[in-house]
Structures are given as structure tokens and as C-alpha cells.
Amino acid sequence: MQFLQHLQRHVPGKILILWDGAPIHRSLLVKHYLASTRGRLVVERLSAYAPELNPVEYMWDHLKTHEIANLIASQAWELSLEATAAPRRMRRRPSIITACYTQAELWP
């Protein structure tokens, strides 16, 4: 819910959300919240059997093969720290995010 509220505060106009079939995305609370936005938030569900259409899969692949590839963490907290920092670095490089959508054939 906080993420949806954040989107509404910071992104003007209509917002298209691409979701997988996670149970949290189908909860009554989320359904009621989406209905309260009167069409400002539009949800399209990705097929459960088509991970190649999900740009997040490509983002995780990039993280594993580039951002944290060959990372040797001697403690679990080190891995956790790097796994949190890597997506933040990706946010500063929109070309990577665009490439993930292009790879999923969701971007022209």
C-alpha cells in the first residue's frame, strides 16, 4: 500500500502497474485501494508462466551477473548490504531499467 501511495504522490497522471500473480497483489485491501483511485492506477497482470515478460526477472539477472557477480561475503550482513545497495545503483542508471523493459518486449 505504501508503494502505491508513494506512486500517486510522485508520479503525475495515470499510472500503469505491471504485476505478477503474487498473493499480496490480489488481496482485498489492495483491490479496495485500487478501486478508490478511480482508474488512476491501472493494473495489468503478467502471466504466471511467462517470466520472460516480467522486466523484474531481467533486473534480477543483471544484479546477479553484473552488480554482485563474484561477490564474496564473509558475513550474511555483507551480502544483505550489497543486495540492498545494488538496486539503488541501478536506479541511477535508467538505461539499465529501460533495457530490462526492452528485453521483456514491453518497451518499443
PDB file of N, CA and C in Angstrom:
ATOM      1  N   MET A   1       0.816  -1.181   0.000  1.00  0.00           N
ATOM      2  CA  MET A   1       0.000   0.000   0.000  1.00  0.00           C
ATOM      3  C   MET A   1       0.866   1.254   0.000  1.00  0.00           C
ATOM      4  N   GLN A   2       1.923   1.250   0.791  1.00  0.00           N
ATOM      5  CA  GLN A   2       2.778   2.429   0.860  1.00  0.00           C
ATOM      6  C   GLN A   2       3.388   2.737  -0.501  1.00  0.00           C
ATOM      7  N   PHE A   3       3.763   1.696  -1.226  1.00  0.00           N
ATOM      8  CA  PHE A   3       4.345   1.912  -2.547  1.00  0.00           C
ATOM      9  C   PHE A   3       3.332   2.542  -3.495  1.00  0.00           C
ATOM     10  N   LEU A   4       2.104   2.058  -3.476  1.00  0.00           N
ATOM     11  CA  LEU A   4       1.060   2.619  -4.338  1.00  0.00           C
ATOM     12  C   LEU A   4       0.791   4.075  -3.974  1.00  0.00           C
ATOM     13  N   GLN A   5       0.757   4.368  -2.691  1.00  0.00           N
ATOM     14  CA  GLN A   5       0.554   5.751  -2.248  1.00  0.00           C
ATOM     15  C   GLN A   5       1.727   6.629  -2.673  1.00  0.00           C
ATOM     16  N   HIS A   6       2.933   6.088  -2.569  1.00  0.00           N
ATOM     17  CA  HIS A   6       4.124   6.824  -2.993  1.00  0.00           C
ATOM     18  C   HIS A   6       4.048   7.145  -4.492  1.00  0.00           C
ATOM     19  N   LEU A   7       3.649   6.160  -5.286  1.00  0.00           N
ATOM     20  CA  LEU A   7       3.500   6.392  -6.724  1.00  0.00           C
ATOM     21  C   LEU A   7       2.529   7.531  -6.996  1.00  0.00           C
ATOM     22  N   GLN A   8       1.392   7.502  -6.328  1.00  0.00           N
ATOM     23  CA  GLN A   8       0.385   8.539  -6.570  1.00  0.00           C
ATOM     24  C   GLN A   8       0.884   9.925  -6.184  1.00  0.00           C
ATOM     25  N   ARG A   9       1.684   9.995  -5.137  1.00  0.00           N
ATOM     26  CA  ARG A   9       2.207  11.300  -4.712  1.00  0.00           C
ATOM     27  C   ARG A   9       3.265  11.839  -5.670  1.00  0.00           C
ATOM     28  N   HIS A  10       4.053  10.946  -6.259  1.00  0.00           N
ATOM     29  CA  HIS A  10       5.231  11.395  -7.002  1.00  0.00           C
ATOM     30  C   HIS A  10       5.164  11.239  -8.519  1.00  0.00           C
ATOM     31  N   VAL A  11       4.153  10.538  -9.020  1.00  0.00           N
ATOM     32  CA  VAL A  11       4.026  10.352 -10.471  1.00  0.00           C
ATOM     33  C   VAL A  11       2.698  10.961 -10.916  1.00  0.00           C
ATOM     34  N   PRO A  12       2.759  11.994 -11.749  1.00  0.00           N
ATOM     35  CA  PRO A  12       1.507  12.627 -12.181  1.00  0.00           C
ATOM     36  C   PRO A  12       0.759  11.777 -13.209  1.00  0.00           C
ATOM     37  N   GLY A  13      -0.540  11.969 -13.272  1.00  0.00           N
ATOM     38  CA  GLY A  13      -1.367  11.323 -14.292  1.00  0.00           C
ATOM     39  C   GLY A  13      -1.641   9.862 -14.005  1.00  0.00           C
ATOM     40  N   LYS A  14      -2.109   9.178 -15.062  1.00  0.00           N
ATOM     41  CA  LYS A  14      -2.424   7.753 -14.950  1.00  0.00           C
ATOM     42  C   LYS A  14      -1.145   6.936 -14.830  1.00  0.00           C
ATOM     43  N   ILE A  15      -1.221   5.858 -14.060  1.00  0.00           N
ATOM     44  CA  ILE A  15      -0.050   5.012 -13.826  1.00  0.00           C
ATOM     45  C   ILE A  15      -0.402   3.573 -14.187  1.00  0.00           C
ATOM     46  N   LEU A  16       0.400   2.971 -15.053  1.00  0.00           N
ATOM     47  CA  LEU A  16       0.230   1.569 -15.414  1.00  0.00           C
ATOM     48  C   LEU A  16       1.171   0.739 -14.551  1.00  0.00           C
ATOM     49  N   ILE A  17       0.612  -0.242 -13.853  1.00  0.00           N
ATOM     50  CA  ILE A  17       1.394  -1.116 -12.987  1.00  0.00           C
ATOM     51  C   ILE A  17       1.360  -2.520 -13.574  1.00  0.00           C
ATOM     52  N   LEU A  18       2.534  -3.107 -13.773  1.00  0.00           N
ATOM     53  CA  LEU A  18       2.642  -4.484 -14.254  1.00  0.00           C
ATOM     54  C   LEU A  18       2.962  -5.365 -13.057  1.00  0.00           C
ATOM     55  N   TRP A  19       2.066  -6.313 -12.773  1.00  0.00           N
ATOM     56  CA  TRP A  19       2.228  -7.158 -11.595  1.00  0.00           C
ATOM     57  C   TRP A  19       2.272  -8.618 -11.957  1.00  0.00           C
ATOM     58  N   ASP A  20       3.016  -9.350 -11.145  1.00  0.00           N
ATOM     59  CA  ASP A  20       2.962 -10.800 -11.249  1.00  0.00           C
ATOM     60  C   ASP A  20       1.785 -11.286 -10.405  1.00  0.00           C
ATOM     61  N   GLY A  21       1.653 -12.568 -10.243  1.00  0.00           N
ATOM     62  CA  GLY A  21       0.499 -13.116  -9.538  1.00  0.00           C
ATOM     63  C   GLY A  21       0.695 -13.295  -8.048  1.00  0.00           C
ATOM     64  N   ALA A  22       1.611 -12.561  -7.443  1.00  0.00           N
ATOM     65  CA  ALA A  22       1.858 -12.700  -6.006  1.00  0.00           C
ATOM     66  C   ALA A  22       0.572 -12.486  -5.210  1.00  0.00           C
ATOM     67  N   PRO A  23       0.358 -13.276  -4.174  1.00  0.00           N
ATOM     68  CA  PRO A  23      -0.871 -13.150  -3.381  1.00  0.00           C
ATOM     69  C   PRO A  23      -1.114 -11.743  -2.840  1.00  0.00           C
ATOM     70  N   ILE A  24      -0.070 -11.038  -2.471  1.00  0.00           N
ATOM     71  CA  ILE A  24      -0.241  -9.676  -1.942  1.00  0.00           C
ATOM     72  C   ILE A  24      -0.897  -8.760  -2.968  1.00  0.00           C
ATOM     73  N   HIS A  25      -0.633  -9.002  -4.239  1.00  0.00           N
ATOM     74  CA  HIS A  25      -1.211  -8.167  -5.296  1.00  0.00           C
ATOM     75  C   HIS A  25      -2.696  -8.434  -5.505  1.00  0.00           C
ATOM     76  N   ARG A  26      -3.179  -9.563  -4.984  1.00  0.00           N
ATOM     77  CA  ARG A  26      -4.585  -9.925  -5.152  1.00  0.00           C
ATOM     78  C   ARG A  26      -5.405  -9.734  -3.878  1.00  0.00           C
ATOM     79  N   SER A  27      -4.806  -9.161  -2.844  1.00  0.00           N
ATOM     80  CA  SER A  27      -5.508  -9.032  -1.563  1.00  0.00           C
ATOM     81  C   SER A  27      -6.691  -8.070  -1.670  1.00  0.00           C
ATOM     82  N   LEU A  28      -7.668  -8.261  -0.801  1.00  0.00           N
ATOM     83  CA  LEU A  28      -8.840  -7.377  -0.780  1.00  0.00           C
ATOM     84  C   LEU A  28      -8.441  -5.942  -0.473  1.00  0.00           C
ATOM     85  N   LEU A  29      -7.483  -5.773   0.422  1.00  0.00           N
ATOM     86  CA  LEU A  29      -7.022  -4.430   0.777  1.00  0.00           C
ATOM     87  C   LEU A  29      -6.502  -3.697  -0.461  1.00  0.00           C
ATOM     88  N   VAL A  30      -5.687  -4.388  -1.247  1.00  0.00           N
ATOM     89  CA  VAL A  30      -5.134  -3.785  -2.466  1.00  0.00           C
ATOM     90  C   VAL A  30      -6.243  -3.536  -3.482  1.00  0.00           C
ATOM     91  N   LYS A  31      -7.149  -4.480  -3.642  1.00  0.00           N
ATOM     92  CA  LYS A  31      -8.260  -4.301  -4.589  1.00  0.00           C
ATOM     93  C   LYS A  31      -9.104  -3.085  -4.224  1.00  0.00           C
ATOM     94  N   HIS A  32      -9.395  -2.929  -2.939  1.00  0.00           N
ATOM     95  CA  HIS A  32     -10.188  -1.772  -2.498  1.00  0.00           C
ATOM     96  C   HIS A  32      -9.424  -0.466  -2.725  1.00  0.00           C
ATOM     97  N   TYR A  33      -8.124  -0.494  -2.454  1.00  0.00           N
ATOM     98  CA  TYR A  33      -7.330   0.716  -2.666  1.00  0.00           C
ATOM     99  C   TYR A  33      -7.309   1.094  -4.145  1.00  0.00           C
ATOM    100  N   LEU A  34      -7.096   0.116  -5.009  1.00  0.00           N
ATOM    101  CA  LEU A  34      -7.082   0.397  -6.448  1.00  0.00           C
ATOM    102  C   LEU A  34      -8.420   0.960  -6.907  1.00  0.00           C
ATOM    103  N   ALA A  35      -9.512   0.424  -6.393  1.00  0.00           N
ATOM    104  CA  ALA A  35     -10.844   0.932  -6.756  1.00  0.00           C
ATOM    105  C   ALA A  35     -11.015   2.375  -6.301  1.00  0.00           C
ATOM    106  N   SER A  36     -10.416   2.727  -5.168  1.00  0.00           N
ATOM    107  CA  SER A  36     -10.554   4.090  -4.646  1.00  0.00           C
ATOM    108  C   SER A  36      -9.800   5.117  -5.490  1.00  0.00           C
ATOM    109  N   THR A  37      -8.883   4.667  -6.346  1.00  0.00           N
ATOM    110  CA  THR A  37      -8.116   5.606  -7.172  1.00  0.00           C
ATOM    111  C   THR A  37      -8.878   6.024  -8.420  1.00  0.00           C
ATOM    112  N   ARG A  38     -10.044   5.439  -8.629  1.00  0.00           N
ATOM    113  CA  ARG A  38     -10.927   5.792  -9.757  1.00  0.00           C
ATOM    114  C   ARG A  38     -10.208   5.742 -11.113  1.00  0.00           C
ATOM    115  N   GLY A  39      -9.433   4.687 -11.305  1.00  0.00           N
ATOM    116  CA  GLY A  39      -8.788   4.488 -12.599  1.00  0.00           C
ATOM    117  C   GLY A  39      -7.445   5.161 -12.768  1.00  0.00           C
ATOM    118  N   ARG A  40      -6.963   5.863 -11.756  1.00  0.00           N
ATOM    119  CA  ARG A  40      -5.653   6.500 -11.880  1.00  0.00           C
ATOM    120  C   ARG A  40      -4.544   5.452 -11.882  1.00  0.00           C
ATOM    121  N   LEU A  41      -4.712   4.409 -11.075  1.00  0.00           N
ATOM    122  CA  LEU A  41      -3.778   3.288 -11.082  1.00  0.00           C
ATOM    123  C   LEU A  41      -4.415   2.150 -11.871  1.00  0.00           C
ATOM    124  N   VAL A  42      -3.766   1.751 -12.956  1.00  0.00           N
ATOM    125  CA  VAL A  42      -4.277   0.682 -13.815  1.00  0.00           C
ATOM    126  C   VAL A  42      -3.324  -0.503 -13.691  1.00  0.00           C
ATOM    127  N   VAL A  43      -3.874  -1.670 -13.416  1.00  0.00           N
ATOM    128  CA  VAL A  43      -3.057  -2.863 -13.207  1.00  0.00           C
ATOM    129  C   VAL A  43      -3.219  -3.831 -14.371  1.00  0.00           C
ATOM    130  N   GLU A  44      -2.096  -4.301 -14.877  1.00  0.00           N
ATOM    131  CA  GLU A  44      -2.067  -5.389 -15.856  1.00  0.00           C
ATOM    132  C   GLU A  44      -1.285  -6.521 -15.207  1.00  0.00           C
ATOM    133  N   ARG A  45      -1.852  -7.692 -15.231  1.00  0.00           N
ATOM    134  CA  ARG A  45      -1.191  -8.839 -14.604  1.00  0.00           C
ATOM    135  C   ARG A  45      -0.362  -9.595 -15.643  1.00  0.00           C
ATOM    136  N   LEU A  46       0.831  -9.945 -15.239  1.00  0.00           N
ATOM    137  CA  LEU A  46       1.698 -10.750 -16.090  1.00  0.00           C
ATOM    138  C   LEU A  46       1.304 -12.215 -15.961  1.00  0.00           C
ATOM    139  N   SER A  47       1.488 -12.954 -17.006  1.00  0.00           N
ATOM    140  CA  SER A  47       1.190 -14.380 -16.985  1.00  0.00           C
ATOM    141  C   SER A  47       2.108 -15.083 -15.990  1.00  0.00           C
ATOM    142  N   ALA A  48       1.546 -15.988 -15.223  1.00  0.00           N
ATOM    143  CA  ALA A  48       2.332 -16.718 -14.223  1.00  0.00           C
ATOM    144  C   ALA A  48       3.376 -17.620 -14.872  1.00  0.00           C
ATOM    145  N   TYR A  49       3.145 -18.011 -16.096  1.00  0.00           N
ATOM    146  CA  TYR A  49       4.044 -18.950 -16.753  1.00  0.00           C
ATOM    147  C   TYR A  49       4.903 -18.286 -17.825  1.00  0.00           C
ATOM    148  N   ALA A  50       5.094 -16.999 -17.706  1.00  0.00           N
ATOM    149  CA  ALA A  50       5.890 -16.282 -18.701  1.00  0.00           C
ATOM    150  C   ALA A  50       6.861 -15.318 -18.024  1.00  0.00           C
ATOM    151  N   PRO A  51       7.855 -15.839 -17.299  1.00  0.00           N
ATOM    152  CA  PRO A  51       8.798 -14.943 -16.635  1.00  0.00           C
ATOM    153  C   PRO A  51       9.565 -14.058 -17.618  1.00  0.00           C
ATOM    154  N   GLU A  52       9.641 -14.495 -18.884  1.00  0.00           N
ATOM    155  CA  GLU A  52      10.348 -13.680 -19.883  1.00  0.00           C
ATOM    156  C   GLU A  52       9.617 -12.374 -20.181  1.00  0.00           C
ATOM    157  N   LEU A  53       8.361 -12.250 -19.761  1.00  0.00           N
ATOM    158  CA  LEU A  53       7.614 -10.999 -19.940  1.00  0.00           C
ATOM    159  C   LEU A  53       7.730 -10.080 -18.735  1.00  0.00           C
ATOM    160  N   ASN A  54       8.392 -10.541 -17.694  1.00  0.00           N
ATOM    161  CA  ASN A  54       8.496  -9.768 -16.463  1.00  0.00           C
ATOM    162  C   ASN A  54       9.842  -9.049 -16.412  1.00  0.00           C
ATOM    163  N   PRO A  55       9.840  -7.709 -16.529  1.00  0.00           N
ATOM    164  CA  PRO A  55      11.105  -6.974 -16.525  1.00  0.00           C
ATOM    165  C   PRO A  55      11.897  -7.157 -15.240  1.00  0.00           C
ATOM    166  N   VAL A  56      11.229  -7.466 -14.144  1.00  0.00           N
ATOM    167  CA  VAL A  56      11.935  -7.674 -12.875  1.00  0.00           C
ATOM    168  C   VAL A  56      12.874  -8.876 -12.972  1.00  0.00           C
ATOM    169  N   GLU A  57      12.486  -9.885 -13.742  1.00  0.00           N
ATOM    170  CA  GLU A  57      13.359 -11.048 -13.930  1.00  0.00           C
ATOM    171  C   GLU A  57      14.681 -10.622 -14.570  1.00  0.00           C
ATOM    172  N   TYR A  58      14.616  -9.702 -15.516  1.00  0.00           N
ATOM    173  CA  TYR A  58      15.833  -9.214 -16.176  1.00  0.00           C
ATOM    174  C   TYR A  58      16.650  -8.330 -15.237  1.00  0.00           C
ATOM    175  N   MET A  59      15.958  -7.593 -14.364  1.00  0.00           N
ATOM    176  CA  MET A  59      16.676  -6.778 -13.378  1.00  0.00           C
ATOM    177  C   MET A  59      17.436  -7.667 -12.404  1.00  0.00           C
ATOM    178  N   TRP A  60      16.782  -8.747 -11.923  1.00  0.00           N
ATOM    179  CA  TRP A  60      17.463  -9.680 -11.028  1.00  0.00           C
ATOM    180  C   TRP A  60      18.645 -10.330 -11.743  1.00  0.00           C
ATOM    181  N   ASP A  61      18.459 -10.678 -13.002  1.00  0.00           N
ATOM    182  CA  ASP A  61      19.550 -11.279 -13.760  1.00  0.00           C
ATOM    183  C   ASP A  61      20.729 -10.318 -13.849  1.00  0.00           C
ATOM    184  N   HIS A  62      20.439  -9.047 -14.129  1.00  0.00           N
ATOM    185  CA  HIS A  62      21.514  -8.052 -14.198  1.00  0.00           C
ATOM    186  C   HIS A  62      22.213  -7.928 -12.847  1.00  0.00           C
ATOM    187  N   LEU A  63      21.435  -7.896 -11.780  1.00  0.00           N
ATOM    188  CA  LEU A  63      22.030  -7.802 -10.446  1.00  0.00           C
ATOM    189  C   LEU A  63      22.972  -8.971 -10.181  1.00  0.00           C
ATOM    190  N   LYS A  64      22.503 -10.180 -10.502  1.00  0.00           N
ATOM    191  CA  LYS A  64      23.302 -11.372 -10.208  1.00  0.00           C
ATOM    192  C   LYS A  64      24.536 -11.484 -11.093  1.00  0.00           C
ATOM    193  N   THR A  65      24.424 -11.074 -12.353  1.00  0.00           N
ATOM    194  CA  THR A  65      25.536 -11.281 -13.286  1.00  0.00           C
ATOM    195  C   THR A  65      26.476 -10.087 -13.412  1.00  0.00           C
ATOM    196  N   HIS A  66      26.038  -8.914 -12.945  1.00  0.00           N
ATOM    197  CA  HIS A  66      26.890  -7.734 -13.071  1.00  0.00           C
ATOM    198  C   HIS A  66      27.143  -7.021 -11.746  1.00  0.00           C
ATOM    199  N   GLU A  67      26.080  -6.676 -11.055  1.00  0.00           N
ATOM    200  CA  GLU A  67      26.224  -5.849  -9.857  1.00  0.00           C
ATOM    201  C   GLU A  67      26.872  -6.595  -8.690  1.00  0.00           C
ATOM    202  N   ILE A  68      26.450  -7.837  -8.458  1.00  0.00           N
ATOM    203  CA  ILE A  68      27.019  -8.571  -7.323  1.00  0.00           C
ATOM    204  C   ILE A  68      27.697  -9.876  -7.759  1.00  0.00           C
ATOM    205  N   ALA A  69      28.024  -9.953  -9.025  1.00  0.00           N
ATOM    206  CA  ALA A  69      28.743 -11.132  -9.522  1.00  0.00           C
ATOM    207  C   ALA A  69      30.093 -11.234  -8.814  1.00  0.00           C
ATOM    208  N   ASN A  70      30.466 -12.430  -8.480  1.00  0.00           N
ATOM    209  CA  ASN A  70      31.762 -12.710  -7.842  1.00  0.00           C
ATOM    210  C   ASN A  70      31.926 -12.073  -6.466  1.00  0.00           C
ATOM    211  N   LEU A  71      30.840 -11.656  -5.864  1.00  0.00           N
ATOM    212  CA  LEU A  71      30.909 -11.098  -4.515  1.00  0.00           C
ATOM    213  C   LEU A  71      31.211 -12.219  -3.526  1.00  0.00           C
ATOM    214  N   ILE A  72      32.190 -11.989  -2.694  1.00  0.00           N
ATOM    215  CA  ILE A  72      32.497 -12.940  -1.630  1.00  0.00           C
ATOM    216  C   ILE A  72      32.213 -12.230  -0.317  1.00  0.00           C
ATOM    217  N   ALA A  73      31.155 -12.642   0.328  1.00  0.00           N
ATOM    218  CA  ALA A  73      30.768 -12.049   1.604  1.00  0.00           C
ATOM    219  C   ALA A  73      31.111 -13.031   2.713  1.00  0.00           C
ATOM    220  N   SER A  74      31.864 -12.566   3.690  1.00  0.00           N
ATOM    221  CA  SER A  74      32.228 -13.461   4.791  1.00  0.00           C
ATOM    222  C   SER A  74      31.141 -13.515   5.857  1.00  0.00           C
ATOM    223  N   GLN A  75      30.243 -12.550   5.816  1.00  0.00           N
ATOM    224  CA  GLN A  75      29.135 -12.497   6.770  1.00  0.00           C
ATOM    225  C   GLN A  75      27.838 -12.268   6.004  1.00  0.00           C
ATOM    226  N   ALA A  76      26.738 -12.775   6.540  1.00  0.00           N
ATOM    227  CA  ALA A  76      25.434 -12.612   5.884  1.00  0.00           C
ATOM    228  C   ALA A  76      25.061 -11.147   5.756  1.00  0.00           C
ATOM    229  N   TRP A  77      25.431 -10.322   6.733  1.00  0.00           N
ATOM    230  CA  TRP A  77      25.072  -8.907   6.683  1.00  0.00           C
ATOM    231  C   TRP A  77      25.764  -8.208   5.515  1.00  0.00           C
ATOM    232  N   GLU A  78      26.954  -8.671   5.135  1.00  0.00           N
ATOM    233  CA  GLU A  78      27.653  -8.072   3.996  1.00  0.00           C
ATOM    234  C   GLU A  78      26.890  -8.336   2.698  1.00  0.00           C
ATOM    235  N   LEU A  79      26.412  -9.550   2.544  1.00  0.00           N
ATOM    236  CA  LEU A  79      25.611  -9.886   1.367  1.00  0.00           C
ATOM    237  C   LEU A  79      24.321  -9.076   1.360  1.00  0.00           C
ATOM    238  N   SER A  80      23.692  -8.972   2.515  1.00  0.00           N
ATOM    239  CA  SER A  80      22.456  -8.196   2.636  1.00  0.00           C
ATOM    240  C   SER A  80      22.695  -6.731   2.273  1.00  0.00           C
ATOM    241  N   LEU A  81      23.786  -6.172   2.759  1.00  0.00           N
ATOM    242  CA  LEU A  81      24.124  -4.776   2.470  1.00  0.00           C
ATOM    243  C   LEU A  81      24.315  -4.561   0.972  1.00  0.00           C
ATOM    244  N   GLU A  82      25.051  -5.444   0.335  1.00  0.00           N
ATOM    245  CA  GLU A  82      25.309  -5.308  -1.104  1.00  0.00           C
ATOM    246  C   GLU A  82      24.049  -5.561  -1.918  1.00  0.00           C
ATOM    247  N   ALA A  83      23.231  -6.514  -1.493  1.00  0.00           N
ATOM    248  CA  ALA A  83      21.982  -6.802  -2.204  1.00  0.00           C
ATOM    249  C   ALA A  83      21.006  -5.638  -2.103  1.00  0.00           C
ATOM    250  N   THR A  84      21.149  -4.813  -1.085  1.00  0.00           N
ATOM    251  CA  THR A  84      20.322  -3.614  -0.940  1.00  0.00           C
ATOM    252  C   THR A  84      20.907  -2.448  -1.733  1.00  0.00           C
ATOM    253  N   ALA A  85      22.218  -2.341  -1.751  1.00  0.00           N
ATOM    254  CA  ALA A  85      22.881  -1.227  -2.436  1.00  0.00           C
ATOM    255  C   ALA A  85      22.831  -1.368  -3.958  1.00  0.00           C
ATOM    256  N   ALA A  86      22.910  -2.588  -4.459  1.00  0.00           N
ATOM    257  CA  ALA A  86      22.957  -2.804  -5.910  1.00  0.00           C
ATOM    258  C   ALA A  86      21.730  -2.260  -6.632  1.00  0.00           C
ATOM    259  N   PRO A  87      20.499  -2.525  -6.171  1.00  0.00           N
ATOM    260  CA  PRO A  87      19.337  -1.939  -6.866  1.00  0.00           C
ATOM    261  C   PRO A  87      19.333  -0.412  -6.806  1.00  0.00           C
ATOM    262  N   ARG A  88      19.867   0.142  -5.729  1.00  0.00           N
ATOM    263  CA  ARG A  88      19.950   1.611  -5.642  1.00  0.00           C
ATOM    264  C   ARG A  88      20.874   2.160  -6.722  1.00  0.00           C
ATOM    265  N   ARG A  89      21.968   1.457  -6.967  1.00  0.00           N
ATOM    266  CA  ARG A  89      22.880   1.889  -8.038  1.00  0.00           C
ATOM    267  C   ARG A  89      22.182   1.812  -9.393  1.00  0.00           C
ATOM    268  N   MET A  90      21.371   0.773  -9.573  1.00  0.00           N
ATOM    269  CA  MET A  90      20.658   0.625 -10.846  1.00  0.00           C
ATOM    270  C   MET A  90      19.692   1.779 -11.077  1.00  0.00           C
ATOM    271  N   ARG A  91      19.091   2.302 -10.017  1.00  0.00           N
ATOM    272  CA  ARG A  91      18.139   3.414 -10.169  1.00  0.00           C
ATOM    273  C   ARG A  91      18.814   4.644 -10.753  1.00  0.00           C
ATOM    274  N   ARG A  92      20.103   4.779 -10.509  1.00  0.00           N
ATOM    275  CA  ARG A  92      20.833   5.936 -11.046  1.00  0.00           C
ATOM    276  C   ARG A  92      21.258   5.713 -12.498  1.00  0.00           C
ATOM    277  N   ARG A  93      20.940   4.547 -13.035  1.00  0.00           N
ATOM    278  CA  ARG A  93      21.286   4.228 -14.422  1.00  0.00           C
ATOM    279  C   ARG A  93      20.024   3.796 -15.160  1.00  0.00           C
ATOM    280  N   PRO A  94      19.185   4.760 -15.561  1.00  0.00           N
ATOM    281  CA  PRO A  94      17.907   4.426 -16.192  1.00  0.00           C
ATOM    282  C   PRO A  94      18.045   3.586 -17.457  1.00  0.00           C
ATOM    283  N   SER A  95      19.186   3.633 -18.103  1.00  0.00           N
ATOM    284  CA  SER A  95      19.354   2.834 -19.324  1.00  0.00           C
ATOM    285  C   SER A  95      19.265   1.338 -19.013  1.00  0.00           C
ATOM    286  N   ILE A  96      19.682   0.931 -17.822  1.00  0.00           N
ATOM    287  CA  ILE A  96      19.577  -0.479 -17.437  1.00  0.00           C
ATOM    288  C   ILE A  96      18.115  -0.858 -17.256  1.00  0.00           C
ATOM    289  N   ILE A  97      17.362   0.013 -16.589  1.00  0.00           N
ATOM    290  CA  ILE A  97      15.940  -0.251 -16.362  1.00  0.00           C
ATOM    291  C   ILE A  97      15.206  -0.321 -17.702  1.00  0.00           C
ATOM    292  N   THR A  98      15.500   0.628 -18.592  1.00  0.00           N
ATOM    293  CA  THR A  98      14.878   0.629 -19.919  1.00  0.00           C
ATOM    294  C   THR A  98      15.226  -0.653 -20.672  1.00  0.00           C
ATOM    295  N   ALA A  99      16.470  -1.096 -20.557  1.00  0.00           N
ATOM    296  CA  ALA A  99      16.891  -2.328 -21.233  1.00  0.00           C
ATOM    297  C   ALA A  99      16.116  -3.538 -20.719  1.00  0.00           C
ATOM    298  N   CYS A 100      15.799  -3.556 -19.444  1.00  0.00           N
ATOM    299  CA  CYS A 100      15.025  -4.676 -18.879  1.00  0.00           C
ATOM    300  C   CYS A 100      13.620  -4.704 -19.463  1.00  0.00           C
ATOM    301  N   TYR A 101      13.019  -3.533 -19.635  1.00  0.00           N
ATOM    302  CA  TYR A 101      11.687  -3.472 -20.248  1.00  0.00           C
ATOM    303  C   TYR A 101      11.760  -3.831 -21.729  1.00  0.00           C
ATOM    304  N   THR A 102      12.820  -3.407 -22.397  1.00  0.00           N
ATOM    305  CA  THR A 102      13.002  -3.742 -23.809  1.00  0.00           C
ATOM    306  C   THR A 102      13.170  -5.252 -23.972  1.00  0.00           C
ATOM    307  N   GLN A 103      13.987  -5.846 -23.112  1.00  0.00           N
ATOM    308  CA  GLN A 103      14.211  -7.288 -23.175  1.00  0.00           C
ATOM    309  C   GLN A 103      12.908  -8.060 -22.978  1.00  0.00           C
ATOM    310  N   ALA A 104      12.039  -7.540 -22.117  1.00  0.00           N
ATOM    311  CA  ALA A 104      10.748  -8.187 -21.862  1.00  0.00           C
ATOM    312  C   ALA A 104       9.726  -7.850 -22.945  1.00  0.00           C
ATOM    313  N   GLU A 105      10.162  -7.093 -23.938  1.00  0.00           N
ATOM    314  CA  GLU A 105       9.311  -6.656 -25.053  1.00  0.00           C
ATOM    315  C   GLU A 105       8.102  -5.856 -24.569  1.00  0.00           C
ATOM    316  N   LEU A 106       8.335  -5.034 -23.531  1.00  0.00           N
ATOM    317  CA  LEU A 106       7.293  -4.155 -23.008  1.00  0.00           C
ATOM    318  C   LEU A 106       7.587  -2.698 -23.329  1.00  0.00           C
ATOM    319  N   TRP A 107       8.644  -2.467 -24.080  1.00  0.00           N
ATOM    320  CA  TRP A 107       9.079  -1.118 -24.419  1.00  0.00           C
ATOM    321  C   TRP A 107       9.360  -1.099 -25.906  1.00  0.00           C
ATOM    322  N   PRO A 108       8.923  -0.068 -26.591  1.00  0.00           N
ATOM    323  CA  PRO A 108       9.161  -0.037 -28.052  1.00  0.00           C
ATOM    324  C   PRO A 108      10.626   0.091 -28.416  1.00  0.00           C
TER     325      PRO A 108
END
